[in-house]
């Protein structure tokens, strides 16, 4: 059965509505400072994500994937700031950490970069 002129008009109108909707959605996200991030995860990690976003909610709806990952990043940023605040100065060069000597004394047993710097790794 051939498409009629009426069908073409409906299809074009639907396509245009969809385009305007996507554009409005993109503008709302931009106004909120939200940008899209695409990541690749192995199936085992996807399964963990699915399980944990349900398990971590006390009541109500589970976290969305975006909410869960956003919370993880925010919690890690907070933990990192706490770690930085607790660093103090290097035992060797007495410079503020984490910059310290910037590697000049790395390898020296008193240099923070030799051993303790690994505490900042994930």
PDB file of N, CA and C in Angstrom:
ATOM      1  N   UNK A   1       0.839  -1.177   0.000  1.00  0.00           N
ATOM      2  CA  UNK A   1       0.000   0.000   0.000  1.00  0.00           C
ATOM      3  C   UNK A   1       0.886   1.243   0.000  1.00  0.00           C
ATOM      4  N   UNK A   2       0.625   2.164  -0.852  1.00  0.00           N
ATOM      5  CA  UNK A   2       1.425   3.379  -0.997  1.00  0.00           C
ATOM      6  C   UNK A   2       1.033   4.397   0.073  1.00  0.00           C
ATOM      7  N   UNK A   3       2.042   5.161   0.465  1.00  0.00           N
ATOM      8  CA  UNK A   3       1.778   6.225   1.429  1.00  0.00           C
ATOM      9  C   UNK A   3       0.997   7.341   0.756  1.00  0.00           C
ATOM     10  N   UNK A   4       0.090   7.886   1.527  1.00  0.00           N
ATOM     11  CA  UNK A   4      -0.672   9.008   0.987  1.00  0.00           C
ATOM     12  C   UNK A   4      -0.029  10.303   1.413  1.00  0.00           C
ATOM     13  N   UNK A   5      -0.476  11.364   0.817  1.00  0.00           N
ATOM     14  CA  UNK A   5       0.020  12.688   1.157  1.00  0.00           C
ATOM     15  C   UNK A   5      -0.247  12.994   2.630  1.00  0.00           C
ATOM     16  N   UNK A   6      -1.367  12.532   3.127  1.00  0.00           N
ATOM     17  CA  UNK A   6      -1.739  12.737   4.529  1.00  0.00           C
ATOM     18  C   UNK A   6      -0.758  12.013   5.461  1.00  0.00           C
ATOM     19  N   UNK A   7      -0.369  10.783   5.080  1.00  0.00           N
ATOM     20  CA  UNK A   7       0.598  10.016   5.870  1.00  0.00           C
ATOM     21  C   UNK A   7       1.953  10.712   5.894  1.00  0.00           C
ATOM     22  N   UNK A   8       2.372  11.233   4.742  1.00  0.00           N
ATOM     23  CA  UNK A   8       3.645  11.962   4.662  1.00  0.00           C
ATOM     24  C   UNK A   8       3.631  13.184   5.567  1.00  0.00           C
ATOM     25  N   UNK A   9       2.522  13.911   5.550  1.00  0.00           N
ATOM     26  CA  UNK A   9       2.406  15.106   6.387  1.00  0.00           C
ATOM     27  C   UNK A   9       2.468  14.730   7.871  1.00  0.00           C
ATOM     28  N   UNK A  10       1.808  13.649   8.246  1.00  0.00           N
ATOM     29  CA  UNK A  10       1.822  13.206   9.644  1.00  0.00           C
ATOM     30  C   UNK A  10       3.220  12.785  10.063  1.00  0.00           C
ATOM     31  N   UNK A  11       3.900  12.064   9.183  1.00  0.00           N
ATOM     32  CA  UNK A  11       5.262  11.616   9.475  1.00  0.00           C
ATOM     33  C   UNK A  11       6.188  12.808   9.629  1.00  0.00           C
ATOM     34  N   UNK A  12       6.083  13.771   8.725  1.00  0.00           N
ATOM     35  CA  UNK A  12       6.920  14.971   8.799  1.00  0.00           C
ATOM     36  C   UNK A  12       6.617  15.767  10.061  1.00  0.00           C
ATOM     37  N   UNK A  13       5.344  15.882  10.419  1.00  0.00           N
ATOM     38  CA  UNK A  13       4.959  16.617  11.626  1.00  0.00           C
ATOM     39  C   UNK A  13       5.500  15.914  12.877  1.00  0.00           C
ATOM     40  N   UNK A  14       5.401  14.595  12.899  1.00  0.00           N
ATOM     41  CA  UNK A  14       5.915  13.834  14.045  1.00  0.00           C
ATOM     42  C   UNK A  14       7.426  13.980  14.146  1.00  0.00           C
ATOM     43  N   UNK A  15       8.109  13.940  13.013  1.00  0.00           N
ATOM     44  CA  UNK A  15       9.564  14.103  12.987  1.00  0.00           C
ATOM     45  C   UNK A  15       9.948  15.487  13.496  1.00  0.00           C
ATOM     46  N   UNK A  16       9.226  16.498  13.074  1.00  0.00           N
ATOM     47  CA  UNK A  16       9.500  17.865  13.513  1.00  0.00           C
ATOM     48  C   UNK A  16       9.232  18.036  15.009  1.00  0.00           C
ATOM     49  N   UNK A  17       8.144  17.453  15.518  1.00  0.00           N
ATOM     50  CA  UNK A  17       7.853  17.505  16.967  1.00  0.00           C
ATOM     51  C   UNK A  17       8.972  16.849  17.764  1.00  0.00           C
ATOM     52  N   UNK A  18       9.440  15.721  17.292  1.00  0.00           N
ATOM     53  CA  UNK A  18      10.511  14.994  17.964  1.00  0.00           C
ATOM     54  C   UNK A  18      11.798  15.821  17.963  1.00  0.00           C
ATOM     55  N   UNK A  19      12.111  16.450  16.824  1.00  0.00           N
ATOM     56  CA  UNK A  19      13.303  17.282  16.723  1.00  0.00           C
ATOM     57  C   UNK A  19      13.223  18.461  17.702  1.00  0.00           C
ATOM     58  N   UNK A  20      12.056  19.114  17.762  1.00  0.00           N
ATOM     59  CA  UNK A  20      11.878  20.252  18.681  1.00  0.00           C
ATOM     60  C   UNK A  20      11.966  19.789  20.135  1.00  0.00           C
ATOM     61  N   UNK A  21      11.419  18.627  20.413  1.00  0.00           N
ATOM     62  CA  UNK A  21      11.471  18.088  21.777  1.00  0.00           C
ATOM     63  C   UNK A  21      12.906  17.801  22.197  1.00  0.00           C
ATOM     64  N   UNK A  22      13.679  17.193  21.305  1.00  0.00           N
ATOM     65  CA  UNK A  22      15.089  16.907  21.593  1.00  0.00           C
ATOM     66  C   UNK A  22      15.874  18.193  21.785  1.00  0.00           C
ATOM     67  N   UNK A  23      15.593  19.187  20.951  1.00  0.00           N
ATOM     68  CA  UNK A  23      16.289  20.465  21.057  1.00  0.00           C
ATOM     69  C   UNK A  23      15.945  21.146  22.380  1.00  0.00           C
ATOM     70  N   UNK A  24      14.679  21.141  22.768  1.00  0.00           N
ATOM     71  CA  UNK A  24      14.268  21.753  24.034  1.00  0.00           C
ATOM     72  C   UNK A  24      14.916  21.028  25.211  1.00  0.00           C
ATOM     73  N   UNK A  25      14.969  19.713  25.124  1.00  0.00           N
ATOM     74  CA  UNK A  25      15.599  18.924  26.185  1.00  0.00           C
ATOM     75  C   UNK A  25      17.088  19.251  26.290  1.00  0.00           C
ATOM     76  N   UNK A  26      17.758  19.369  25.154  1.00  0.00           N
ATOM     77  CA  UNK A  26      19.185  19.709  25.134  1.00  0.00           C
ATOM     78  C   UNK A  26      19.403  21.103  25.713  1.00  0.00           C
ATOM     79  N   UNK A  27      18.519  22.038  25.413  1.00  0.00           N
ATOM     80  CA  UNK A  27      18.633  23.391  25.951  1.00  0.00           C
ATOM     81  C   UNK A  27      18.433  23.400  27.468  1.00  0.00           C
ATOM     82  N   UNK A  28      17.471  22.601  27.958  1.00  0.00           N
ATOM     83  CA  UNK A  28      17.249  22.514  29.416  1.00  0.00           C
ATOM     84  C   UNK A  28      18.482  21.942  30.113  1.00  0.00           C
ATOM     85  N   UNK A  29      19.057  20.869  29.543  1.00  0.00           N
ATOM     86  CA  UNK A  29      20.255  20.272  30.134  1.00  0.00           C
ATOM     87  C   UNK A  29      21.410  21.268  30.123  1.00  0.00           C
ATOM     88  N   UNK A  30      21.575  21.990  29.034  1.00  0.00           N
ATOM     89  CA  UNK A  30      22.652  22.983  28.936  1.00  0.00           C
ATOM     90  C   UNK A  30      22.458  24.089  29.965  1.00  0.00           C
ATOM     91  N   UNK A  31      21.222  24.532  30.153  1.00  0.00           N
ATOM     92  CA  UNK A  31      20.944  25.580  31.135  1.00  0.00           C
ATOM     93  C   UNK A  31      21.261  25.115  32.553  1.00  0.00           C
ATOM     94  N   UNK A  32      21.127  23.837  32.804  1.00  0.00           N
ATOM     95  CA  UNK A  32      21.431  23.274  34.127  1.00  0.00           C
ATOM     96  C   UNK A  32      22.897  22.867  34.269  1.00  0.00           C
ATOM     97  N   UNK A  33      23.650  23.022  33.191  1.00  0.00           N
ATOM     98  CA  UNK A  33      25.061  22.633  33.222  1.00  0.00           C
ATOM     99  C   UNK A  33      25.270  21.136  33.130  1.00  0.00           C
ATOM    100  N   UNK A  34      24.301  20.446  32.575  1.00  0.00           N
ATOM    101  CA  UNK A  34      24.374  18.985  32.452  1.00  0.00           C
ATOM    102  C   UNK A  34      24.854  18.632  31.052  1.00  0.00           C
ATOM    103  N   UNK A  35      25.888  17.821  30.986  1.00  0.00           N
ATOM    104  CA  UNK A  35      26.361  17.354  29.688  1.00  0.00           C
ATOM    105  C   UNK A  35      26.337  15.831  29.672  1.00  0.00           C
ATOM    106  N   UNK A  36      26.287  15.292  28.500  1.00  0.00           N
ATOM    107  CA  UNK A  36      26.190  13.842  28.309  1.00  0.00           C
ATOM    108  C   UNK A  36      27.589  13.230  28.345  1.00  0.00           C
ATOM    109  N   UNK A  37      27.694  12.099  29.021  1.00  0.00           N
ATOM    110  CA  UNK A  37      28.934  11.341  29.090  1.00  0.00           C
ATOM    111  C   UNK A  37      28.612   9.903  28.725  1.00  0.00           C
ATOM    112  N   UNK A  38      29.323   9.395  27.764  1.00  0.00           N
ATOM    113  CA  UNK A  38      29.100   8.017  27.340  1.00  0.00           C
ATOM    114  C   UNK A  38      30.284   7.191  27.794  1.00  0.00           C
ATOM    115  N   UNK A  39      30.014   6.073  28.485  1.00  0.00           N
ATOM    116  CA  UNK A  39      31.086   5.208  28.955  1.00  0.00           C
ATOM    117  C   UNK A  39      30.821   3.776  28.514  1.00  0.00           C
ATOM    118  N   UNK A  40      31.895   3.034  28.388  1.00  0.00           N
ATOM    119  CA  UNK A  40      31.789   1.619  28.053  1.00  0.00           C
ATOM    120  C   UNK A  40      32.119   0.818  29.293  1.00  0.00           C
ATOM    121  N   UNK A  41      31.246  -0.120  29.638  1.00  0.00           N
ATOM    122  CA  UNK A  41      31.444  -0.969  30.813  1.00  0.00           C
ATOM    123  C   UNK A  41      31.272  -2.425  30.412  1.00  0.00           C
ATOM    124  N   UNK A  42      32.104  -3.302  30.962  1.00  0.00           N
ATOM    125  CA  UNK A  42      31.874  -4.724  30.714  1.00  0.00           C
ATOM    126  C   UNK A  42      30.565  -5.161  31.383  1.00  0.00           C
ATOM    127  N   UNK A  43      30.001  -6.230  30.899  1.00  0.00           N
ATOM    128  CA  UNK A  43      28.711  -6.699  31.406  1.00  0.00           C
ATOM    129  C   UNK A  43      28.749  -6.951  32.908  1.00  0.00           C
ATOM    130  N   UNK A  44      29.856  -7.465  33.424  1.00  0.00           N
ATOM    131  CA  UNK A  44      29.931  -7.742  34.866  1.00  0.00           C
ATOM    132  C   UNK A  44      29.801  -6.460  35.685  1.00  0.00           C
ATOM    133  N   UNK A  45      30.383  -5.363  35.198  1.00  0.00           N
ATOM    134  CA  UNK A  45      30.275  -4.078  35.906  1.00  0.00           C
ATOM    135  C   UNK A  45      28.870  -3.516  35.747  1.00  0.00           C
ATOM    136  N   UNK A  46      28.271  -3.683  34.572  1.00  0.00           N
ATOM    137  CA  UNK A  46      26.878  -3.250  34.366  1.00  0.00           C
ATOM    138  C   UNK A  46      25.957  -3.985  35.335  1.00  0.00           C
ATOM    139  N   UNK A  47      26.206  -5.285  35.517  1.00  0.00           N
ATOM    140  CA  UNK A  47      25.397  -6.065  36.454  1.00  0.00           C
ATOM    141  C   UNK A  47      25.562  -5.541  37.874  1.00  0.00           C
ATOM    142  N   UNK A  48      26.795  -5.223  38.268  1.00  0.00           N
ATOM    143  CA  UNK A  48      27.040  -4.665  39.600  1.00  0.00           C
ATOM    144  C   UNK A  48      26.334  -3.327  39.762  1.00  0.00           C
ATOM    145  N   UNK A  49      26.420  -2.493  38.742  1.00  0.00           N
ATOM    146  CA  UNK A  49      25.750  -1.197  38.776  1.00  0.00           C
ATOM    147  C   UNK A  49      24.248  -1.381  38.965  1.00  0.00           C
ATOM    148  N   UNK A  50      23.662  -2.272  38.210  1.00  0.00           N
ATOM    149  CA  UNK A  50      22.231  -2.538  38.330  1.00  0.00           C
ATOM    150  C   UNK A  50      21.855  -3.011  39.721  1.00  0.00           C
ATOM    151  N   UNK A  51      22.656  -3.914  40.268  1.00  0.00           N
ATOM    152  CA  UNK A  51      22.387  -4.427  41.608  1.00  0.00           C
ATOM    153  C   UNK A  51      22.549  -3.336  42.668  1.00  0.00           C
ATOM    154  N   UNK A  52      23.643  -2.607  42.600  1.00  0.00           N
ATOM    155  CA  UNK A  52      23.949  -1.626  43.642  1.00  0.00           C
ATOM    156  C   UNK A  52      23.021  -0.419  43.640  1.00  0.00           C
ATOM    157  N   UNK A  53      22.562   0.003  42.484  1.00  0.00           N
ATOM    158  CA  UNK A  53      21.664   1.160  42.499  1.00  0.00           C
ATOM    159  C   UNK A  53      20.312   0.804  43.112  1.00  0.00           C
ATOM    160  N   UNK A  54      19.968  -0.468  43.113  1.00  0.00           N
ATOM    161  CA  UNK A  54      18.771  -0.920  43.828  1.00  0.00           C
ATOM    162  C   UNK A  54      19.080  -1.163  45.306  1.00  0.00           C
ATOM    163  N   UNK A  55      20.231  -1.753  45.583  1.00  0.00           N
ATOM    164  CA  UNK A  55      20.584  -2.121  46.955  1.00  0.00           C
ATOM    165  C   UNK A  55      20.858  -0.905  47.837  1.00  0.00           C
ATOM    166  N   UNK A  56      21.375   0.171  47.268  1.00  0.00           N
ATOM    167  CA  UNK A  56      21.769   1.344  48.048  1.00  0.00           C
ATOM    168  C   UNK A  56      20.619   2.277  48.407  1.00  0.00           C
ATOM    169  N   UNK A  57      19.450   2.069  47.840  1.00  0.00           N
ATOM    170  CA  UNK A  57      18.311   2.926  48.167  1.00  0.00           C
ATOM    171  C   UNK A  57      17.605   2.354  49.400  1.00  0.00           C
ATOM    172  N   UNK A  58      17.337   3.209  50.368  1.00  0.00           N
ATOM    173  CA  UNK A  58      16.696   2.751  51.604  1.00  0.00           C
ATOM    174  C   UNK A  58      15.213   2.503  51.367  1.00  0.00           C
ATOM    175  N   UNK A  59      14.558   3.431  50.719  1.00  0.00           N
ATOM    176  CA  UNK A  59      13.147   3.246  50.381  1.00  0.00           C
ATOM    177  C   UNK A  59      12.855   4.039  49.118  1.00  0.00           C
ATOM    178  N   UNK A  60      11.816   3.652  48.429  1.00  0.00           N
ATOM    179  CA  UNK A  60      11.437   4.364  47.219  1.00  0.00           C
ATOM    180  C   UNK A  60      12.095   3.789  45.981  1.00  0.00           C
ATOM    181  N   UNK A  61      12.183   4.624  44.969  1.00  0.00           N
ATOM    182  CA  UNK A  61      12.722   4.219  43.680  1.00  0.00           C
ATOM    183  C   UNK A  61      14.243   4.048  43.747  1.00  0.00           C
ATOM    184  N   UNK A  62      14.781   3.095  43.001  1.00  0.00           N
ATOM    185  CA  UNK A  62      16.244   2.951  42.956  1.00  0.00           C
ATOM    186  C   UNK A  62      16.874   4.157  42.263  1.00  0.00           C
ATOM    187  N   UNK A  63      18.161   4.358  42.529  1.00  0.00           N
ATOM    188  CA  UNK A  63      18.891   5.415  41.838  1.00  0.00           C
ATOM    189  C   UNK A  63      18.900   5.127  40.341  1.00  0.00           C
ATOM    190  N   UNK A  64      18.867   6.177  39.539  1.00  0.00           N
ATOM    191  CA  UNK A  64      19.105   5.984  38.109  1.00  0.00           C
ATOM    192  C   UNK A  64      20.608   5.743  37.954  1.00  0.00           C
ATOM    193  N   UNK A  65      21.021   5.253  36.815  1.00  0.00           N
ATOM    194  CA  UNK A  65      22.455   5.036  36.589  1.00  0.00           C
ATOM    195  C   UNK A  65      23.219   6.350  36.714  1.00  0.00           C
ATOM    196  N   UNK A  66      22.657   7.423  36.167  1.00  0.00           N
ATOM    197  CA  UNK A  66      23.308   8.736  36.249  1.00  0.00           C
ATOM    198  C   UNK A  66      23.413   9.216  37.690  1.00  0.00           C
ATOM    199  N   UNK A  67      22.325   9.069  38.459  1.00  0.00           N
ATOM    200  CA  UNK A  67      22.342   9.494  39.868  1.00  0.00           C
ATOM    201  C   UNK A  67      23.377   8.712  40.658  1.00  0.00           C
ATOM    202  N   UNK A  68      23.418   7.407  40.447  1.00  0.00           N
ATOM    203  CA  UNK A  68      24.339   6.554  41.200  1.00  0.00           C
ATOM    204  C   UNK A  68      25.793   6.933  40.906  1.00  0.00           C
ATOM    205  N   UNK A  69      26.118   7.065  39.631  1.00  0.00           N
ATOM    206  CA  UNK A  69      27.494   7.413  39.253  1.00  0.00           C
ATOM    207  C   UNK A  69      27.838   8.819  39.731  1.00  0.00           C
ATOM    208  N   UNK A  70      26.888   9.743  39.653  1.00  0.00           N
ATOM    209  CA  UNK A  70      27.108  11.097  40.147  1.00  0.00           C
ATOM    210  C   UNK A  70      27.392  11.095  41.649  1.00  0.00           C
ATOM    211  N   UNK A  71      26.637  10.314  42.402  1.00  0.00           N
ATOM    212  CA  UNK A  71      26.866  10.200  43.852  1.00  0.00           C
ATOM    213  C   UNK A  71      28.248   9.631  44.151  1.00  0.00           C
ATOM    214  N   UNK A  72      28.657   8.612  43.402  1.00  0.00           N
ATOM    215  CA  UNK A  72      29.982   8.035  43.606  1.00  0.00           C
ATOM    216  C   UNK A  72      31.078   9.078  43.388  1.00  0.00           C
ATOM    217  N   UNK A  73      30.933   9.868  42.334  1.00  0.00           N
ATOM    218  CA  UNK A  73      31.932  10.898  42.032  1.00  0.00           C
ATOM    219  C   UNK A  73      31.946  11.960  43.113  1.00  0.00           C
ATOM    220  N   UNK A  74      30.772  12.405  43.548  1.00  0.00           N
ATOM    221  CA  UNK A  74      30.702  13.418  44.601  1.00  0.00           C
ATOM    222  C   UNK A  74      31.285  12.898  45.914  1.00  0.00           C
ATOM    223  N   UNK A  75      31.001  11.648  46.257  1.00  0.00           N
ATOM    224  CA  UNK A  75      31.555  11.063  47.478  1.00  0.00           C
ATOM    225  C   UNK A  75      33.072  10.938  47.383  1.00  0.00           C
ATOM    226  N   UNK A  76      33.578  10.571  46.206  1.00  0.00           N
ATOM    227  CA  UNK A  76      35.022  10.458  46.033  1.00  0.00           C
ATOM    228  C   UNK A  76      35.683  11.833  46.107  1.00  0.00           C
ATOM    229  N   UNK A  77      35.054  12.848  45.543  1.00  0.00           N
ATOM    230  CA  UNK A  77      35.604  14.213  45.606  1.00  0.00           C
ATOM    231  C   UNK A  77      35.693  14.680  47.060  1.00  0.00           C
ATOM    232  N   UNK A  78      34.676  14.372  47.840  1.00  0.00           N
ATOM    233  CA  UNK A  78      34.684  14.733  49.265  1.00  0.00           C
ATOM    234  C   UNK A  78      35.813  13.996  49.993  1.00  0.00           C
ATOM    235  N   UNK A  79      35.932  12.711  49.740  1.00  0.00           N
ATOM    236  CA  UNK A  79      36.989  11.917  50.372  1.00  0.00           C
ATOM    237  C   UNK A  79      38.373  12.429  49.974  1.00  0.00           C
ATOM    238  N   UNK A  80      38.553  12.795  48.712  1.00  0.00           N
ATOM    239  CA  UNK A  80      39.826  13.329  48.231  1.00  0.00           C
ATOM    240  C   UNK A  80      40.170  14.630  48.949  1.00  0.00           C
ATOM    241  N   UNK A  81      39.197  15.534  49.104  1.00  0.00           N
ATOM    242  CA  UNK A  81      39.437  16.796  49.803  1.00  0.00           C
ATOM    243  C   UNK A  81      39.832  16.541  51.261  1.00  0.00           C
ATOM    244  N   UNK A  82      39.200  15.565  51.898  1.00  0.00           N
ATOM    245  CA  UNK A  82      39.556  15.200  53.274  1.00  0.00           C
ATOM    246  C   UNK A  82      40.979  14.649  53.338  1.00  0.00           C
ATOM    247  N   UNK A  83      41.350  13.840  52.348  1.00  0.00           N
ATOM    248  CA  UNK A  83      42.711  13.298  52.293  1.00  0.00           C
ATOM    249  C   UNK A  83      43.725  14.421  52.101  1.00  0.00           C
ATOM    250  N   UNK A  84      43.432  15.360  51.217  1.00  0.00           N
ATOM    251  CA  UNK A  84      44.342  16.482  50.993  1.00  0.00           C
ATOM    252  C   UNK A  84      44.523  17.311  52.259  1.00  0.00           C
ATOM    253  N   UNK A  85      43.420  17.564  52.966  1.00  0.00           N
ATOM    254  CA  UNK A  85      43.481  18.368  54.183  1.00  0.00           C
ATOM    255  C   UNK A  85      44.338  17.694  55.253  1.00  0.00           C
ATOM    256  N   UNK A  86      44.403  16.374  55.234  1.00  0.00           N
ATOM    257  CA  UNK A  86      45.155  15.635  56.253  1.00  0.00           C
ATOM    258  C   UNK A  86      46.630  15.437  55.891  1.00  0.00           C
ATOM    259  N   UNK A  87      47.054  15.836  54.708  1.00  0.00           N
ATOM    260  CA  UNK A  87      48.414  15.544  54.256  1.00  0.00           C
ATOM    261  C   UNK A  87      49.508  16.297  55.005  1.00  0.00           C
ATOM    262  N   UNK A  88      49.362  17.597  55.162  1.00  0.00           N
ATOM    263  CA  UNK A  88      50.419  18.374  55.819  1.00  0.00           C
ATOM    264  C   UNK A  88      51.595  18.622  54.896  1.00  0.00           C
ATOM    265  N   UNK A  89      52.804  18.380  55.412  1.00  0.00           N
ATOM    266  CA  UNK A  89      54.028  18.651  54.655  1.00  0.00           C
ATOM    267  C   UNK A  89      54.869  17.383  54.529  1.00  0.00           C
ATOM    268  N   UNK A  90      55.721  17.373  53.517  1.00  0.00           N
ATOM    269  CA  UNK A  90      56.614  16.251  53.256  1.00  0.00           C
ATOM    270  C   UNK A  90      57.665  16.153  54.363  1.00  0.00           C
ATOM    271  N   UNK A  91      57.992  14.937  54.761  1.00  0.00           N
ATOM    272  CA  UNK A  91      59.016  14.726  55.780  1.00  0.00           C
ATOM    273  C   UNK A  91      60.417  15.064  55.304  1.00  0.00           C
ATOM    274  N   UNK A  92      60.651  15.049  54.019  1.00  0.00           N
ATOM    275  CA  UNK A  92      61.976  15.318  53.467  1.00  0.00           C
ATOM    276  C   UNK A  92      62.166  16.798  53.138  1.00  0.00           C
ATOM    277  N   UNK A  93      61.307  17.364  52.277  1.00  0.00           N
ATOM    278  CA  UNK A  93      61.530  18.738  51.809  1.00  0.00           C
ATOM    279  C   UNK A  93      60.720  19.767  52.598  1.00  0.00           C
ATOM    280  N   UNK A  94      59.795  19.297  53.446  1.00  0.00           N
ATOM    281  CA  UNK A  94      58.946  20.160  54.278  1.00  0.00           C
ATOM    282  C   UNK A  94      58.003  21.038  53.452  1.00  0.00           C
ATOM    283  N   UNK A  95      57.821  20.722  52.177  1.00  0.00           N
ATOM    284  CA  UNK A  95      56.907  21.478  51.314  1.00  0.00           C
ATOM    285  C   UNK A  95      55.485  20.956  51.487  1.00  0.00           C
ATOM    286  N   UNK A  96      54.480  21.836  51.277  1.00  0.00           N
ATOM    287  CA  UNK A  96      53.083  21.398  51.384  1.00  0.00           C
ATOM    288  C   UNK A  96      52.772  20.311  50.362  1.00  0.00           C
ATOM    289  N   UNK A  97      51.953  19.378  50.787  1.00  0.00           N
ATOM    290  CA  UNK A  97      51.573  18.259  49.930  1.00  0.00           C
ATOM    291  C   UNK A  97      50.198  18.525  49.315  1.00  0.00           C
ATOM    292  N   UNK A  98      49.899  17.970  48.177  1.00  0.00           N
ATOM    293  CA  UNK A  98      50.546  16.852  47.511  1.00  0.00           C
ATOM    294  C   UNK A  98      51.674  17.256  46.552  1.00  0.00           C
ATOM    295  N   UNK A  99      51.879  18.552  46.301  1.00  0.00           N
ATOM    296  CA  UNK A  99      52.935  18.947  45.370  1.00  0.00           C
ATOM    297  C   UNK A  99      54.313  18.581  45.918  1.00  0.00           C
ATOM    298  N   UNK A 100      54.606  19.015  47.148  1.00  0.00           N
ATOM    299  CA  UNK A 100      55.901  18.706  47.749  1.00  0.00           C
ATOM    300  C   UNK A 100      57.052  19.135  46.872  1.00  0.00           C
ATOM    301  N   UNK A 101      58.029  18.269  46.719  1.00  0.00           N
ATOM    302  CA  UNK A 101      59.219  18.566  45.907  1.00  0.00           C
ATOM    303  C   UNK A 101      58.970  18.310  44.425  1.00  0.00           C
ATOM    304  N   UNK A 102      57.769  17.882  44.080  1.00  0.00           N
ATOM    305  CA  UNK A 102      57.393  17.532  42.706  1.00  0.00           C
ATOM    306  C   UNK A 102      58.280  16.425  42.139  1.00  0.00           C
ATOM    307  N   UNK A 103      58.762  15.554  43.012  1.00  0.00           N
ATOM    308  CA  UNK A 103      59.517  14.380  42.583  1.00  0.00           C
ATOM    309  C   UNK A 103      61.016  14.490  42.715  1.00  0.00           C
ATOM    310  N   UNK A 104      61.533  15.633  43.154  1.00  0.00           N
ATOM    311  CA  UNK A 104      62.978  15.811  43.265  1.00  0.00           C
ATOM    312  C   UNK A 104      63.599  14.771  44.190  1.00  0.00           C
ATOM    313  N   UNK A 105      62.928  14.484  45.321  1.00  0.00           N
ATOM    314  CA  UNK A 105      63.476  13.538  46.298  1.00  0.00           C
ATOM    315  C   UNK A 105      62.775  12.175  46.256  1.00  0.00           C
ATOM    316  N   UNK A 106      61.974  11.933  45.222  1.00  0.00           N
ATOM    317  CA  UNK A 106      61.267  10.656  45.127  1.00  0.00           C
ATOM    318  C   UNK A 106      62.266   9.515  45.136  1.00  0.00           C
ATOM    319  N   UNK A 107      62.007   8.533  45.967  1.00  0.00           N
ATOM    320  CA  UNK A 107      62.921   7.410  46.155  1.00  0.00           C
ATOM    321  C   UNK A 107      63.598   7.484  47.516  1.00  0.00           C
ATOM    322  N   UNK A 108      63.735   8.693  48.047  1.00  0.00           N
ATOM    323  CA  UNK A 108      64.286   8.882  49.388  1.00  0.00           C
ATOM    324  C   UNK A 108      63.244   8.386  50.391  1.00  0.00           C
ATOM    325  N   UNK A 109      63.669   7.650  51.384  1.00  0.00           N
ATOM    326  CA  UNK A 109      62.725   7.048  52.331  1.00  0.00           C
ATOM    327  C   UNK A 109      61.921   8.078  53.113  1.00  0.00           C
ATOM    328  N   UNK A 110      62.403   9.306  53.249  1.00  0.00           N
ATOM    329  CA  UNK A 110      61.669  10.336  53.978  1.00  0.00           C
ATOM    330  C   UNK A 110      60.716  11.125  53.091  1.00  0.00           C
ATOM    331  N   UNK A 111      60.837  10.956  51.775  1.00  0.00           N
ATOM    332  CA  UNK A 111      60.004  11.712  50.834  1.00  0.00           C
ATOM    333  C   UNK A 111      58.602  11.105  50.771  1.00  0.00           C
ATOM    334  N   UNK A 112      57.598  11.953  50.885  1.00  0.00           N
ATOM    335  CA  UNK A 112      56.200  11.529  50.852  1.00  0.00           C
ATOM    336  C   UNK A 112      55.882  10.780  49.557  1.00  0.00           C
ATOM    337  N   UNK A 113      56.444  11.199  48.458  1.00  0.00           N
ATOM    338  CA  UNK A 113      56.161  10.579  47.158  1.00  0.00           C
ATOM    339  C   UNK A 113      56.632   9.130  47.089  1.00  0.00           C
ATOM    340  N   UNK A 114      57.606   8.755  47.899  1.00  0.00           N
ATOM    341  CA  UNK A 114      58.144   7.398  47.858  1.00  0.00           C
ATOM    342  C   UNK A 114      57.113   6.370  48.313  1.00  0.00           C
ATOM    343  N   UNK A 115      56.397   6.654  49.383  1.00  0.00           N
ATOM    344  CA  UNK A 115      55.461   5.659  49.924  1.00  0.00           C
ATOM    345  C   UNK A 115      54.034   6.174  50.070  1.00  0.00           C
ATOM    346  N   UNK A 116      53.853   7.281  50.762  1.00  0.00           N
ATOM    347  CA  UNK A 116      52.505   7.725  51.120  1.00  0.00           C
ATOM    348  C   UNK A 116      51.678   8.263  49.940  1.00  0.00           C
ATOM    349  N   UNK A 117      52.324   8.674  48.863  1.00  0.00           N
ATOM    350  CA  UNK A 117      51.573   9.249  47.740  1.00  0.00           C
ATOM    351  C   UNK A 117      50.557   8.261  47.194  1.00  0.00           C
ATOM    352  N   UNK A 118      50.806   7.000  47.346  1.00  0.00           N
ATOM    353  CA  UNK A 118      49.903   5.969  46.839  1.00  0.00           C
ATOM    354  C   UNK A 118      48.552   5.964  47.573  1.00  0.00           C
ATOM    355  N   UNK A 119      48.497   6.615  48.743  1.00  0.00           N
ATOM    356  CA  UNK A 119      47.246   6.695  49.494  1.00  0.00           C
ATOM    357  C   UNK A 119      46.184   7.498  48.743  1.00  0.00           C
ATOM    358  N   UNK A 120      46.615   8.356  47.825  1.00  0.00           N
ATOM    359  CA  UNK A 120      45.673   9.162  47.059  1.00  0.00           C
ATOM    360  C   UNK A 120      45.116   8.419  45.845  1.00  0.00           C
ATOM    361  N   UNK A 121      45.690   7.281  45.521  1.00  0.00           N
ATOM    362  CA  UNK A 121      45.179   6.505  44.382  1.00  0.00           C
ATOM    363  C   UNK A 121      43.840   5.883  44.723  1.00  0.00           C
ATOM    364  N   UNK A 122      43.054   5.617  43.698  1.00  0.00           N
ATOM    365  CA  UNK A 122      41.792   4.902  43.924  1.00  0.00           C
ATOM    366  C   UNK A 122      42.144   3.472  44.241  1.00  0.00           C
TER     367      UNK A 122
END
